[in-house]
Structure formats: structure tokens, C-alpha cells
Amino acid sequence: MADYTVVELTAEETHPLRLSVLRSDTPSKVLAFNEDDWPGTIHLGVRDADGVVAVSSWVPEPYLGEPAVHLRGMATAPHLQGQGVGGILIEAGCERAALVAPLVWARARDVALGFYLRHGFTVVGDGFTDDLTQKPHHMILRRLR
């Protein structure tokens, strides 16, 4: 496996992968999230010799009244999907999230549910179509402590 490093990023540094992975086949090309600049939000990435190859944003935001961290904008470069890079990123993010909350939640695309299930998330409730992307999603949760 290549040499990968988890790094903190600015919100803007997440935009290229948000565009190429999360917005390439959607009606919306919106790259900035309202939560990008909230206090406590961190943007993590995985960097290799070629640059940033995976990104995610971690927002302190309650889930049904419980302290939690909202995972947003998880994206791995297409040529590296299925090779463990996303797993490195999600585990690093969950380690950091556990310092501030007992729970991580997200609105996951159905095509990525297998990935999240392999990393300890559970699906909650019925599926829905996301208004912005027009893609099928489910709510997912991972208890950290």
C-alpha cells in the first residue's frame, strides 16, 4: 500500500474531490456546506505523493438531542476506491470525533452503505432521496463510546 498520511485541510481543499466524486453526476454543483465554518468543524484528508486523495468533514452537531459529530462530504478519489484509503480516513475521523461526542451520524448514499457497515455504522430508518443530489440515501450511526 502506498504511503498515506491523514492531514487537516481547509474547507476549500476538500472542494476538488467533493466536485469530482460527490457532485459529478448530480444536478447540484454546490461544494461549500453551511457547516464548513462552524466552530469545532474539522476537515480531514488523506494525502499521498500525488496530493489529497480522500476528504471528509466532521461537524459537532447533535443527533436527536444527543451530542454527536456529523460526518459530511466523505469522498475518495475514484481510482483509489476499494483500496483502504477511505477506511484510513474514516477511522482517523472517528478517533477524533470520540474526543468530543459518543456518536457519529451521516446521511450516506446507498451506493456507499457497504463501506459504512464494514466500518461499524448501522443503518437507521427508511431510505430517502436527498434533495440536493437526487440520490438515494439512508441515515447511518456509529456509537464511539
C-alpha atoms as a PDB file:
ATOM      1  CA  MET A   1       0.000   0.000   0.000  1.00  0.00           C
ATOM      2  CA  ALA A   2       1.235   3.498  -0.796  1.00  0.00           C
ATOM      3  CA  ASP A   3       2.401   5.901   1.891  1.00  0.00           C
ATOM      4  CA  TYR A   4      -0.723   7.708   3.134  1.00  0.00           C
ATOM      5  CA  THR A   5      -0.905  10.489   5.717  1.00  0.00           C
ATOM      6  CA  VAL A   6      -4.043  11.842   7.404  1.00  0.00           C
ATOM      7  CA  VAL A   7      -3.957  15.647   7.421  1.00  0.00           C
ATOM      8  CA  GLU A   8      -6.178  18.548   8.409  1.00  0.00           C
ATOM      9  CA  LEU A   9      -7.430  20.577   5.469  1.00  0.00           C
ATOM     10  CA  THR A  10      -9.276  23.807   4.856  1.00  0.00           C
ATOM     11  CA  ALA A  11     -12.817  23.535   3.564  1.00  0.00           C
ATOM     12  CA  GLU A  12     -11.621  24.790   0.189  1.00  0.00           C
ATOM     13  CA  GLU A  13      -9.076  21.984  -0.062  1.00  0.00           C
ATOM     14  CA  THR A  14     -11.952  19.484   0.050  1.00  0.00           C
ATOM     15  CA  HIS A  15     -13.708  21.054  -2.929  1.00  0.00           C
ATOM     16  CA  PRO A  16     -11.909  19.289  -5.806  1.00  0.00           C
ATOM     17  CA  LEU A  17     -12.853  15.825  -4.503  1.00  0.00           C
ATOM     18  CA  ARG A  18     -16.303  16.974  -3.443  1.00  0.00           C
ATOM     19  CA  LEU A  19     -16.822  18.058  -7.055  1.00  0.00           C
ATOM     20  CA  SER A  20     -15.296  15.056  -8.820  1.00  0.00           C
ATOM     21  CA  VAL A  21     -16.788  12.385  -6.537  1.00  0.00           C
ATOM     22  CA  LEU A  22     -19.898  13.812  -4.875  1.00  0.00           C
ATOM     23  CA  ARG A  23     -21.196  16.241  -7.494  1.00  0.00           C
ATOM     24  CA  SER A  24     -20.045  14.819 -10.824  1.00  0.00           C
ATOM     25  CA  ASP A  25     -23.377  13.177 -11.631  1.00  0.00           C
ATOM     26  CA  THR A  26     -25.813  15.314  -9.654  1.00  0.00           C
ATOM     27  CA  PRO A  27     -27.922  18.323 -10.595  1.00  0.00           C
ATOM     28  CA  SER A  28     -26.192  20.399  -7.892  1.00  0.00           C
ATOM     29  CA  LYS A  29     -22.593  21.541  -8.102  1.00  0.00           C
ATOM     30  CA  VAL A  30     -22.670  23.162  -4.632  1.00  0.00           C
ATOM     31  CA  LEU A  31     -19.316  22.431  -2.960  1.00  0.00           C
ATOM     32  CA  ALA A  32     -19.491  24.523   0.225  1.00  0.00           C
ATOM     33  CA  PHE A  33     -21.538  23.330   3.181  1.00  0.00           C
ATOM     34  CA  ASN A  34     -23.070  25.799   5.648  1.00  0.00           C
ATOM     35  CA  GLU A  35     -21.347  23.837   8.420  1.00  0.00           C
ATOM     36  CA  ASP A  36     -17.850  24.178   6.893  1.00  0.00           C
ATOM     37  CA  ASP A  37     -17.023  27.153   9.103  1.00  0.00           C
ATOM     38  CA  TRP A  38     -18.935  26.198  12.247  1.00  0.00           C
ATOM     39  CA  PRO A  39     -16.902  26.218  15.465  1.00  0.00           C
ATOM     40  CA  GLY A  40     -15.343  22.815  16.015  1.00  0.00           C
ATOM     41  CA  THR A  41     -15.716  21.632  12.414  1.00  0.00           C
ATOM     42  CA  ILE A  42     -12.623  19.917  11.081  1.00  0.00           C
ATOM     43  CA  HIS A  43     -11.821  18.821   7.553  1.00  0.00           C
ATOM     44  CA  LEU A  44      -9.619  15.776   7.224  1.00  0.00           C
ATOM     45  CA  GLY A  45      -7.907  14.356   4.202  1.00  0.00           C
ATOM     46  CA  VAL A  46      -5.599  11.591   3.162  1.00  0.00           C
ATOM     47  CA  ARG A  47      -2.544  12.698   1.268  1.00  0.00           C
ATOM     48  CA  ASP A  48      -0.175  10.585  -0.799  1.00  0.00           C
ATOM     49  CA  ALA A  49       2.752  11.575  -3.014  1.00  0.00           C
ATOM     50  CA  ASP A  50       0.322  12.922  -5.625  1.00  0.00           C
ATOM     51  CA  GLY A  51      -1.739  15.094  -3.267  1.00  0.00           C
ATOM     52  CA  VAL A  52      -5.067  14.832  -1.463  1.00  0.00           C
ATOM     53  CA  VAL A  53      -6.805  11.565  -2.385  1.00  0.00           C
ATOM     54  CA  ALA A  54      -9.652  11.450   0.168  1.00  0.00           C
ATOM     55  CA  VAL A  55     -11.590  14.072   2.136  1.00  0.00           C
ATOM     56  CA  SER A  56     -14.201  14.317   4.882  1.00  0.00           C
ATOM     57  CA  SER A  57     -15.723  16.958   7.142  1.00  0.00           C
ATOM     58  CA  TRP A  58     -16.612  16.400  10.808  1.00  0.00           C
ATOM     59  CA  VAL A  59     -19.170  18.772  12.330  1.00  0.00           C
ATOM     60  CA  PRO A  60     -20.138  18.845  16.022  1.00  0.00           C
ATOM     61  CA  GLU A  61     -23.913  18.557  15.608  1.00  0.00           C
ATOM     62  CA  PRO A  62     -26.365  16.680  17.857  1.00  0.00           C
ATOM     63  CA  TYR A  63     -28.340  13.702  16.626  1.00  0.00           C
ATOM     64  CA  LEU A  64     -31.854  13.539  18.090  1.00  0.00           C
ATOM     65  CA  GLY A  65     -30.698  15.634  21.052  1.00  0.00           C
ATOM     66  CA  GLU A  66     -27.611  13.520  21.800  1.00  0.00           C
ATOM     67  CA  PRO A  67     -24.120  15.022  21.485  1.00  0.00           C
ATOM     68  CA  ALA A  68     -22.717  13.814  18.184  1.00  0.00           C
ATOM     69  CA  VAL A  69     -20.479  14.552  15.229  1.00  0.00           C
ATOM     70  CA  HIS A  70     -21.991  14.794  11.763  1.00  0.00           C
ATOM     71  CA  LEU A  71     -19.822  13.272   9.030  1.00  0.00           C
ATOM     72  CA  ARG A  72     -20.192  15.178   5.761  1.00  0.00           C
ATOM     73  CA  GLY A  73     -18.588  15.137   2.346  1.00  0.00           C
ATOM     74  CA  MET A  74     -16.764  11.809   2.570  1.00  0.00           C
ATOM     75  CA  ALA A  75     -15.063  11.260  -0.785  1.00  0.00           C
ATOM     76  CA  THR A  76     -12.179   9.137  -2.075  1.00  0.00           C
ATOM     77  CA  ALA A  77     -10.577   9.565  -5.484  1.00  0.00           C
ATOM     78  CA  PRO A  78     -12.266   7.071  -7.838  1.00  0.00           C
ATOM     79  CA  HIS A  79      -9.034   5.276  -8.765  1.00  0.00           C
ATOM     80  CA  LEU A  80      -8.406   4.508  -5.069  1.00  0.00           C
ATOM     81  CA  GLN A  81     -11.899   3.451  -4.012  1.00  0.00           C
ATOM     82  CA  GLY A  82     -11.973  -0.042  -2.548  1.00  0.00           C
ATOM     83  CA  GLN A  83      -8.264   0.029  -1.651  1.00  0.00           C
ATOM     84  CA  GLY A  84      -8.496   1.023   2.030  1.00  0.00           C
ATOM     85  CA  VAL A  85      -7.894   4.761   1.712  1.00  0.00           C
ATOM     86  CA  GLY A  86     -11.416   5.686   2.785  1.00  0.00           C
ATOM     87  CA  GLY A  87     -11.084   3.308   5.721  1.00  0.00           C
ATOM     88  CA  ILE A  88      -7.938   5.076   6.898  1.00  0.00           C
ATOM     89  CA  LEU A  89      -9.801   8.378   6.772  1.00  0.00           C
ATOM     90  CA  ILE A  90     -12.995   7.253   8.480  1.00  0.00           C
ATOM     91  CA  GLU A  91     -11.126   5.585  11.326  1.00  0.00           C
ATOM     92  CA  ALA A  92      -8.960   8.683  11.883  1.00  0.00           C
ATOM     93  CA  GLY A  93     -12.066  10.867  11.872  1.00  0.00           C
ATOM     94  CA  CYS A  94     -13.910   8.622  14.321  1.00  0.00           C
ATOM     95  CA  GLU A  95     -10.899   8.686  16.671  1.00  0.00           C
ATOM     96  CA  ARG A  96     -11.046  12.474  16.715  1.00  0.00           C
ATOM     97  CA  ALA A  97     -14.831  12.549  16.985  1.00  0.00           C
ATOM     98  CA  ALA A  98     -14.708  10.277  20.046  1.00  0.00           C
ATOM     99  CA  LEU A  99     -12.887  13.054  21.894  1.00  0.00           C
ATOM    100  CA  VAL A 100     -15.950  15.312  21.665  1.00  0.00           C
ATOM    101  CA  ALA A 101     -19.000  13.055  21.325  1.00  0.00           C
ATOM    102  CA  PRO A 102     -20.125   9.443  21.740  1.00  0.00           C
ATOM    103  CA  LEU A 103     -21.785   9.191  18.334  1.00  0.00           C
ATOM    104  CA  VAL A 104     -21.118   9.879  14.636  1.00  0.00           C
ATOM    105  CA  TRP A 105     -24.004  10.182  12.187  1.00  0.00           C
ATOM    106  CA  ALA A 106     -24.310  10.815   8.475  1.00  0.00           C
ATOM    107  CA  ARG A 107     -26.644  10.820   5.523  1.00  0.00           C
ATOM    108  CA  ALA A 108     -24.969   8.122   3.432  1.00  0.00           C
ATOM    109  CA  ARG A 109     -25.520   7.399  -0.218  1.00  0.00           C
ATOM    110  CA  ASP A 110     -26.942   3.947  -0.703  1.00  0.00           C
ATOM    111  CA  VAL A 111     -24.065   3.009  -3.033  1.00  0.00           C
ATOM    112  CA  ALA A 112     -21.670   3.535  -0.091  1.00  0.00           C
ATOM    113  CA  LEU A 113     -23.660   1.692   2.602  1.00  0.00           C
ATOM    114  CA  GLY A 114     -21.466  -1.426   2.413  1.00  0.00           C
ATOM    115  CA  PHE A 115     -18.390   0.687   3.167  1.00  0.00           C
ATOM    116  CA  TYR A 116     -20.001   2.272   6.215  1.00  0.00           C
ATOM    117  CA  LEU A 117     -21.335  -1.053   7.510  1.00  0.00           C
ATOM    118  CA  ARG A 118     -17.817  -2.523   7.306  1.00  0.00           C
ATOM    119  CA  HIS A 119     -16.643   0.375   9.478  1.00  0.00           C
ATOM    120  CA  GLY A 120     -19.095  -0.127  12.313  1.00  0.00           C
ATOM    121  CA  PHE A 121     -22.016   2.034  11.234  1.00  0.00           C
ATOM    122  CA  THR A 122     -25.620   0.870  11.355  1.00  0.00           C
ATOM    123  CA  VAL A 123     -28.470   1.950   9.111  1.00  0.00           C
ATOM    124  CA  VAL A 124     -31.328   3.777  10.816  1.00  0.00           C
ATOM    125  CA  GLY A 125     -34.801   4.058   9.323  1.00  0.00           C
ATOM    126  CA  ASP A 126     -36.082   4.075   5.798  1.00  0.00           C
ATOM    127  CA  GLY A 127     -34.224   5.304   2.770  1.00  0.00           C
ATOM    128  CA  PHE A 128     -34.871   8.681   1.192  1.00  0.00           C
ATOM    129  CA  THR A 129     -33.857  10.707  -1.837  1.00  0.00           C
ATOM    130  CA  ASP A 130     -31.555  13.588  -0.985  1.00  0.00           C
ATOM    131  CA  ASP A 131     -32.971  16.883  -2.261  1.00  0.00           C
ATOM    132  CA  LEU A 132     -29.623  18.311  -3.357  1.00  0.00           C
ATOM    133  CA  THR A 133     -28.130  15.291  -5.113  1.00  0.00           C
ATOM    134  CA  GLN A 134     -31.307  13.414  -6.081  1.00  0.00           C
ATOM    135  CA  LYS A 135     -29.509  10.216  -4.963  1.00  0.00           C
ATOM    136  CA  PRO A 136     -30.906   7.526  -2.613  1.00  0.00           C
ATOM    137  CA  HIS A 137     -29.593   7.821   0.956  1.00  0.00           C
ATOM    138  CA  HIS A 138     -30.018   6.335   4.429  1.00  0.00           C
ATOM    139  CA  MET A 139     -29.201   7.709   7.859  1.00  0.00           C
ATOM    140  CA  ILE A 140     -26.280   5.876   9.483  1.00  0.00           C
ATOM    141  CA  LEU A 141     -24.889   5.902  13.019  1.00  0.00           C
ATOM    142  CA  ARG A 142     -21.766   4.685  14.742  1.00  0.00           C
ATOM    143  CA  ARG A 143     -21.521   4.564  18.504  1.00  0.00           C
ATOM    144  CA  LEU A 144     -17.979   5.548  19.554  1.00  0.00           C
ATOM    145  CA  ARG A 145     -18.230   5.055  23.300  1.00  0.00           C
END
